[in-house]
Amino acid sequence: MSLATIGSTFANVALPRQFLYIVIYIITLTILAAFMVGILLISGLYAMYFGLTHYGLDPAISAIAVMGLTFVLAATFIGVAILQMRRLRVFPHRLMTQHSPGLLHISGLVEAFMAGFSNRNIRP
C-alpha cells in the first residue's frame, strides 16, 4: 500500500518537473533564436548600408536610410508586442467565461474583496 502511495507521489512530482524542464528548454531555444535573428537583422542593415555606399550614395544619406528602416522595424515590433499584451490581458477573462461561468462570478467577488481589503479609508 505504501509503495503505491510513494509511486503515485513520485509520478505527481515527476510530471510537473518534466513539464518544467520542457518549458525551460523552449524558453532557452526562443532566447537563442532571438539572438540569431538579431544578429541577422544587424548584418542585413550593415549590408544595406554597405551596398548603398558602394553604389555611390553619400554615407550620411545611406545612414539616414538605414536608420529610417530601423525605426520602422522597431515601431512594427513594438506595435505587435503591444497588441499581443492587450490580447493576453483579455485572455484569462475570455477563458473563464468559456469554460465555467461560475468562476467569473467567484473571480469578481474575490477582486471586490481584495479591493475592499486594500482600501484603508473604510470606517467601522
N, C-alpha and C. Protein backbone atom coordinates (compact mmCIF):
# COMPACT_ATOMS: atom_id res chain seq x y z
N MET A 1 0.82 -1.19 0.00
CA MET A 1 0.00 0.00 0.00
C MET A 1 0.86 1.26 0.00
N SER A 2 1.87 1.30 0.87
CA SER A 2 2.73 2.48 0.93
C SER A 2 3.58 2.61 -0.33
N LEU A 3 3.93 1.49 -0.95
CA LEU A 3 4.69 1.53 -2.20
C LEU A 3 3.87 2.19 -3.31
N ALA A 4 2.58 1.89 -3.35
CA ALA A 4 1.71 2.53 -4.35
C ALA A 4 1.59 4.02 -4.08
N THR A 5 1.53 4.41 -2.83
CA THR A 5 1.45 5.83 -2.47
C THR A 5 2.74 6.55 -2.86
N ILE A 6 3.88 5.92 -2.60
CA ILE A 6 5.16 6.51 -2.99
C ILE A 6 5.26 6.63 -4.50
N GLY A 7 4.80 5.61 -5.21
CA GLY A 7 4.83 5.65 -6.67
C GLY A 7 3.95 6.73 -7.23
N SER A 8 2.75 6.90 -6.67
CA SER A 8 1.86 7.95 -7.17
C SER A 8 2.40 9.33 -6.83
N THR A 9 3.02 9.47 -5.64
CA THR A 9 3.63 10.75 -5.28
C THR A 9 4.79 11.08 -6.20
N PHE A 10 5.62 10.08 -6.51
CA PHE A 10 6.73 10.30 -7.42
C PHE A 10 6.23 10.67 -8.81
N ALA A 11 5.16 10.03 -9.26
CA ALA A 11 4.60 10.35 -10.58
C ALA A 11 4.04 11.76 -10.59
N ASN A 12 3.39 12.16 -9.49
CA ASN A 12 2.83 13.50 -9.43
C ASN A 12 3.91 14.57 -9.38
N VAL A 13 5.06 14.26 -8.80
CA VAL A 13 6.17 15.21 -8.73
C VAL A 13 6.98 15.19 -10.02
N ALA A 14 7.15 14.01 -10.62
CA ALA A 14 7.99 13.88 -11.80
C ALA A 14 7.36 14.54 -13.03
N LEU A 15 6.04 14.45 -13.16
CA LEU A 15 5.40 15.05 -14.34
C LEU A 15 5.53 16.57 -14.36
N PRO A 16 5.24 17.29 -13.27
CA PRO A 16 5.46 18.74 -13.31
C PRO A 16 6.92 19.11 -13.51
N ARG A 17 7.83 18.34 -12.94
CA ARG A 17 9.25 18.62 -13.11
C ARG A 17 9.65 18.44 -14.57
N GLN A 18 9.16 17.38 -15.21
CA GLN A 18 9.46 17.16 -16.62
C GLN A 18 8.85 18.28 -17.47
N PHE A 19 7.64 18.70 -17.13
CA PHE A 19 7.00 19.81 -17.84
C PHE A 19 7.82 21.08 -17.68
N LEU A 20 8.32 21.32 -16.46
CA LEU A 20 9.14 22.50 -16.20
C LEU A 20 10.43 22.46 -17.03
N TYR A 21 11.06 21.29 -17.13
CA TYR A 21 12.26 21.16 -17.97
C TYR A 21 11.95 21.47 -19.42
N ILE A 22 10.83 21.01 -19.92
CA ILE A 22 10.45 21.27 -21.30
C ILE A 22 10.21 22.77 -21.51
N VAL A 23 9.55 23.41 -20.56
CA VAL A 23 9.29 24.85 -20.67
C VAL A 23 10.60 25.63 -20.65
N ILE A 24 11.52 25.26 -19.77
CA ILE A 24 12.82 25.93 -19.72
C ILE A 24 13.59 25.71 -21.01
N TYR A 25 13.51 24.52 -21.56
CA TYR A 25 14.17 24.22 -22.83
C TYR A 25 13.60 25.09 -23.95
N ILE A 26 12.28 25.22 -23.99
CA ILE A 26 11.65 26.04 -25.03
C ILE A 26 12.03 27.51 -24.86
N ILE A 27 12.06 28.00 -23.63
CA ILE A 27 12.44 29.39 -23.39
C ILE A 27 13.89 29.62 -23.81
N THR A 28 14.77 28.68 -23.51
CA THR A 28 16.17 28.81 -23.91
C THR A 28 16.31 28.84 -25.42
N LEU A 29 15.61 27.95 -26.10
CA LEU A 29 15.67 27.94 -27.56
C LEU A 29 15.10 29.23 -28.16
N THR A 30 14.06 29.77 -27.53
CA THR A 30 13.48 31.02 -28.01
C THR A 30 14.46 32.18 -27.84
N ILE A 31 15.16 32.23 -26.72
CA ILE A 31 16.14 33.29 -26.49
C ILE A 31 17.29 33.17 -27.49
N LEU A 32 17.77 31.96 -27.72
CA LEU A 32 18.84 31.76 -28.71
C LEU A 32 18.37 32.15 -30.11
N ALA A 33 17.15 31.80 -30.46
CA ALA A 33 16.62 32.17 -31.78
C ALA A 33 16.50 33.69 -31.89
N ALA A 34 16.10 34.36 -30.81
CA ALA A 34 16.00 35.82 -30.84
C ALA A 34 17.38 36.46 -31.04
N PHE A 35 18.40 35.91 -30.38
CA PHE A 35 19.76 36.41 -30.61
C PHE A 35 20.18 36.22 -32.06
N MET A 36 19.89 35.06 -32.62
CA MET A 36 20.27 34.79 -34.01
C MET A 36 19.54 35.72 -34.98
N VAL A 37 18.26 35.95 -34.74
CA VAL A 37 17.51 36.86 -35.59
C VAL A 37 18.06 38.27 -35.45
N GLY A 38 18.43 38.67 -34.23
CA GLY A 38 19.02 39.99 -34.03
C GLY A 38 20.34 40.14 -34.78
N ILE A 39 21.16 39.11 -34.75
CA ILE A 39 22.42 39.14 -35.48
C ILE A 39 22.17 39.24 -36.98
N LEU A 40 21.21 38.47 -37.49
CA LEU A 40 20.88 38.54 -38.91
C LEU A 40 20.33 39.91 -39.29
N LEU A 41 19.52 40.50 -38.42
CA LEU A 41 18.97 41.82 -38.69
C LEU A 41 20.07 42.88 -38.73
N ILE A 42 20.98 42.83 -37.78
CA ILE A 42 22.09 43.79 -37.77
C ILE A 42 22.98 43.60 -38.99
N SER A 43 23.25 42.35 -39.33
CA SER A 43 24.07 42.08 -40.52
C SER A 43 23.39 42.57 -41.78
N GLY A 44 22.07 42.37 -41.87
CA GLY A 44 21.33 42.84 -43.04
C GLY A 44 21.33 44.36 -43.15
N LEU A 45 21.19 45.04 -42.02
CA LEU A 45 21.23 46.50 -42.05
C LEU A 45 22.62 47.01 -42.43
N TYR A 46 23.65 46.34 -41.94
CA TYR A 46 25.01 46.74 -42.33
C TYR A 46 25.24 46.48 -43.82
N ALA A 47 24.75 45.34 -44.31
CA ALA A 47 24.89 45.05 -45.74
C ALA A 47 24.14 46.08 -46.57
N MET A 48 22.98 46.51 -46.10
CA MET A 48 22.23 47.55 -46.82
C MET A 48 23.03 48.85 -46.85
N TYR A 49 23.60 49.24 -45.72
CA TYR A 49 24.41 50.46 -45.67
C TYR A 49 25.62 50.33 -46.60
N PHE A 50 26.29 49.21 -46.53
CA PHE A 50 27.46 48.99 -47.38
C PHE A 50 27.07 49.02 -48.85
N GLY A 51 25.96 48.39 -49.19
CA GLY A 51 25.52 48.39 -50.58
C GLY A 51 25.17 49.79 -51.07
N LEU A 52 24.49 50.56 -50.24
CA LEU A 52 24.13 51.92 -50.65
C LEU A 52 25.37 52.78 -50.85
N THR A 53 26.34 52.67 -49.95
CA THR A 53 27.56 53.47 -50.12
C THR A 53 28.41 52.94 -51.27
N HIS A 54 28.39 51.64 -51.49
CA HIS A 54 29.18 51.06 -52.58
C HIS A 54 28.67 51.51 -53.95
N TYR A 55 27.35 51.68 -54.08
CA TYR A 55 26.79 52.08 -55.36
C TYR A 55 26.65 53.59 -55.50
N GLY A 56 27.38 54.34 -54.67
CA GLY A 56 27.53 55.77 -54.91
C GLY A 56 26.69 56.70 -54.08
N LEU A 57 25.90 56.21 -53.15
CA LEU A 57 25.11 57.10 -52.32
C LEU A 57 26.00 57.68 -51.22
N ASP A 58 25.74 58.91 -50.83
CA ASP A 58 26.51 59.57 -49.79
C ASP A 58 26.38 58.77 -48.48
N PRO A 59 27.48 58.62 -47.72
CA PRO A 59 27.40 57.85 -46.46
C PRO A 59 26.37 58.40 -45.47
N ALA A 60 26.22 59.72 -45.40
CA ALA A 60 25.24 60.30 -44.46
C ALA A 60 23.82 59.93 -44.88
N ILE A 61 23.54 60.00 -46.17
CA ILE A 61 22.20 59.65 -46.66
C ILE A 61 21.95 58.15 -46.50
N SER A 62 22.98 57.35 -46.72
CA SER A 62 22.86 55.90 -46.50
C SER A 62 22.55 55.60 -45.04
N ALA A 63 23.23 56.29 -44.13
CA ALA A 63 22.98 56.08 -42.71
C ALA A 63 21.56 56.50 -42.34
N ILE A 64 21.08 57.60 -42.92
CA ILE A 64 19.71 58.05 -42.64
C ILE A 64 18.70 57.03 -43.16
N ALA A 65 18.96 56.47 -44.34
CA ALA A 65 18.05 55.46 -44.90
C ALA A 65 18.00 54.21 -44.03
N VAL A 66 19.16 53.76 -43.59
CA VAL A 66 19.22 52.57 -42.73
C VAL A 66 18.57 52.87 -41.38
N MET A 67 18.81 54.06 -40.83
CA MET A 67 18.19 54.44 -39.57
C MET A 67 16.68 54.52 -39.70
N GLY A 68 16.19 55.04 -40.81
CA GLY A 68 14.74 55.09 -41.03
C GLY A 68 14.13 53.71 -41.08
N LEU A 69 14.79 52.79 -41.79
CA LEU A 69 14.30 51.41 -41.83
C LEU A 69 14.33 50.77 -40.45
N THR A 70 15.37 51.07 -39.68
CA THR A 70 15.47 50.54 -38.33
C THR A 70 14.32 51.05 -37.45
N PHE A 71 14.00 52.33 -37.56
CA PHE A 71 12.89 52.88 -36.79
C PHE A 71 11.56 52.27 -37.19
N VAL A 72 11.36 52.05 -38.49
CA VAL A 72 10.12 51.42 -38.96
C VAL A 72 10.01 50.00 -38.41
N LEU A 73 11.11 49.25 -38.47
CA LEU A 73 11.09 47.88 -37.93
C LEU A 73 10.84 47.88 -36.43
N ALA A 74 11.49 48.79 -35.70
CA ALA A 74 11.31 48.85 -34.25
C ALA A 74 9.86 49.23 -33.91
N ALA A 75 9.29 50.19 -34.63
CA ALA A 75 7.90 50.58 -34.39
C ALA A 75 6.95 49.42 -34.67
N THR A 76 7.24 48.66 -35.71
CA THR A 76 6.41 47.50 -36.03
C THR A 76 6.49 46.45 -34.93
N PHE A 77 7.69 46.15 -34.46
CA PHE A 77 7.85 45.17 -33.38
C PHE A 77 7.17 45.64 -32.10
N ILE A 78 7.31 46.92 -31.77
CA ILE A 78 6.67 47.45 -30.57
C ILE A 78 5.15 47.40 -30.70
N GLY A 79 4.64 47.75 -31.88
CA GLY A 79 3.19 47.68 -32.10
C GLY A 79 2.65 46.28 -31.96
N VAL A 80 3.34 45.30 -32.53
CA VAL A 80 2.91 43.91 -32.41
C VAL A 80 2.96 43.46 -30.95
N ALA A 81 4.01 43.86 -30.23
CA ALA A 81 4.14 43.48 -28.82
C ALA A 81 3.00 44.09 -27.99
N ILE A 82 2.64 45.33 -28.25
CA ILE A 82 1.55 45.98 -27.51
C ILE A 82 0.22 45.28 -27.80
N LEU A 83 -0.01 44.95 -29.08
CA LEU A 83 -1.25 44.23 -29.42
C LEU A 83 -1.32 42.87 -28.74
N GLN A 84 -0.21 42.16 -28.70
CA GLN A 84 -0.20 40.85 -28.05
C GLN A 84 -0.39 40.98 -26.53
N MET A 85 0.17 42.03 -25.93
CA MET A 85 -0.02 42.23 -24.49
C MET A 85 -1.48 42.54 -24.18
N ARG A 86 -2.15 43.33 -25.02
CA ARG A 86 -3.57 43.60 -24.83
C ARG A 86 -4.38 42.32 -24.98
N ARG A 87 -4.02 41.51 -25.96
CA ARG A 87 -4.72 40.24 -26.18
C ARG A 87 -4.51 39.30 -25.00
N LEU A 88 -3.30 39.30 -24.45
CA LEU A 88 -3.00 38.44 -23.30
C LEU A 88 -3.74 38.92 -22.05
N ARG A 89 -3.96 40.22 -21.92
CA ARG A 89 -4.67 40.76 -20.77
C ARG A 89 -6.14 40.33 -20.78
N VAL A 90 -6.74 40.18 -21.95
CA VAL A 90 -8.14 39.79 -22.07
C VAL A 90 -8.29 38.28 -22.02
N PHE A 91 -7.25 37.54 -22.29
CA PHE A 91 -7.31 36.09 -22.42
C PHE A 91 -7.87 35.37 -21.20
N PRO A 92 -7.40 35.64 -19.95
CA PRO A 92 -7.95 34.90 -18.81
C PRO A 92 -9.45 35.12 -18.62
N HIS A 93 -9.91 36.36 -18.84
CA HIS A 93 -11.33 36.65 -18.71
C HIS A 93 -12.15 35.85 -19.71
N ARG A 94 -11.69 35.81 -20.96
CA ARG A 94 -12.38 35.08 -22.01
C ARG A 94 -12.34 33.57 -21.73
N LEU A 95 -11.22 33.09 -21.22
CA LEU A 95 -11.09 31.67 -20.92
C LEU A 95 -12.04 31.25 -19.81
N MET A 96 -12.20 32.10 -18.78
CA MET A 96 -13.10 31.77 -17.69
C MET A 96 -14.55 31.77 -18.15
N THR A 97 -14.93 32.70 -19.00
CA THR A 97 -16.33 32.75 -19.45
C THR A 97 -16.66 31.58 -20.36
N GLN A 98 -15.69 31.05 -21.10
CA GLN A 98 -15.95 29.92 -21.98
C GLN A 98 -16.09 28.62 -21.20
N HIS A 99 -15.26 28.41 -20.19
CA HIS A 99 -15.24 27.12 -19.52
C HIS A 99 -16.20 27.03 -18.35
N SER A 100 -16.26 28.05 -17.54
CA SER A 100 -17.08 27.96 -16.34
C SER A 100 -17.60 29.34 -15.97
N PRO A 101 -18.86 29.63 -16.30
CA PRO A 101 -19.40 30.95 -15.96
C PRO A 101 -19.42 31.22 -14.45
N GLY A 102 -19.50 30.18 -13.63
CA GLY A 102 -19.48 30.37 -12.18
C GLY A 102 -18.16 30.92 -11.69
N LEU A 103 -17.08 30.53 -12.36
CA LEU A 103 -15.76 31.05 -11.98
C LEU A 103 -15.67 32.55 -12.16
N LEU A 104 -16.34 33.07 -13.18
CA LEU A 104 -16.31 34.51 -13.43
C LEU A 104 -16.95 35.25 -12.26
N HIS A 105 -18.06 34.73 -11.74
CA HIS A 105 -18.72 35.35 -10.59
C HIS A 105 -17.83 35.29 -9.35
N ILE A 106 -17.23 34.15 -9.11
CA ILE A 106 -16.33 34.00 -7.97
C ILE A 106 -15.12 34.92 -8.11
N SER A 107 -14.59 35.01 -9.32
CA SER A 107 -13.45 35.90 -9.57
C SER A 107 -13.82 37.35 -9.28
N GLY A 108 -15.02 37.76 -9.68
CA GLY A 108 -15.48 39.11 -9.39
C GLY A 108 -15.61 39.37 -7.90
N LEU A 109 -16.10 38.37 -7.16
CA LEU A 109 -16.22 38.51 -5.71
C LEU A 109 -14.85 38.64 -5.05
N VAL A 110 -13.90 37.83 -5.50
CA VAL A 110 -12.55 37.88 -4.93
C VAL A 110 -11.90 39.22 -5.24
N GLU A 111 -12.07 39.72 -6.46
CA GLU A 111 -11.49 41.02 -6.81
C GLU A 111 -12.12 42.13 -5.98
N ALA A 112 -13.44 42.08 -5.77
CA ALA A 112 -14.11 43.09 -4.95
C ALA A 112 -13.63 43.01 -3.50
N PHE A 113 -13.47 41.80 -2.98
CA PHE A 113 -12.97 41.64 -1.62
C PHE A 113 -11.56 42.22 -1.48
N MET A 114 -10.69 41.90 -2.45
CA MET A 114 -9.31 42.40 -2.39
C MET A 114 -9.27 43.91 -2.52
N ALA A 115 -10.14 44.48 -3.36
CA ALA A 115 -10.19 45.94 -3.48
C ALA A 115 -10.64 46.57 -2.17
N GLY A 116 -11.66 45.98 -1.52
CA GLY A 116 -12.11 46.49 -0.24
C GLY A 116 -11.09 46.27 0.87
N PHE A 117 -10.42 45.14 0.83
CA PHE A 117 -9.42 44.82 1.84
C PHE A 117 -8.23 45.77 1.77
N SER A 118 -7.85 46.14 0.55
CA SER A 118 -6.69 47.02 0.39
C SER A 118 -7.03 48.48 0.63
N ASN A 119 -8.33 48.82 0.65
CA ASN A 119 -8.74 50.20 0.89
C ASN A 119 -8.71 50.48 2.39
N ARG A 120 -7.88 51.41 2.83
CA ARG A 120 -7.69 51.66 4.26
C ARG A 120 -8.60 52.81 4.76
N ASN A 121 -9.37 53.42 3.90
CA ASN A 121 -10.21 54.54 4.30
C ASN A 121 -11.60 54.11 4.74
N ILE A 122 -11.83 52.84 4.95
CA ILE A 122 -13.14 52.34 5.36
C ILE A 122 -13.30 52.55 6.86
N ARG A 123 -14.42 53.16 7.25
CA ARG A 123 -14.70 53.40 8.67
C ARG A 123 -15.51 52.23 9.22
N PRO A 124 -15.26 51.86 10.48
CA PRO A 124 -16.03 50.76 11.07
C PRO A 124 -17.44 51.15 11.42
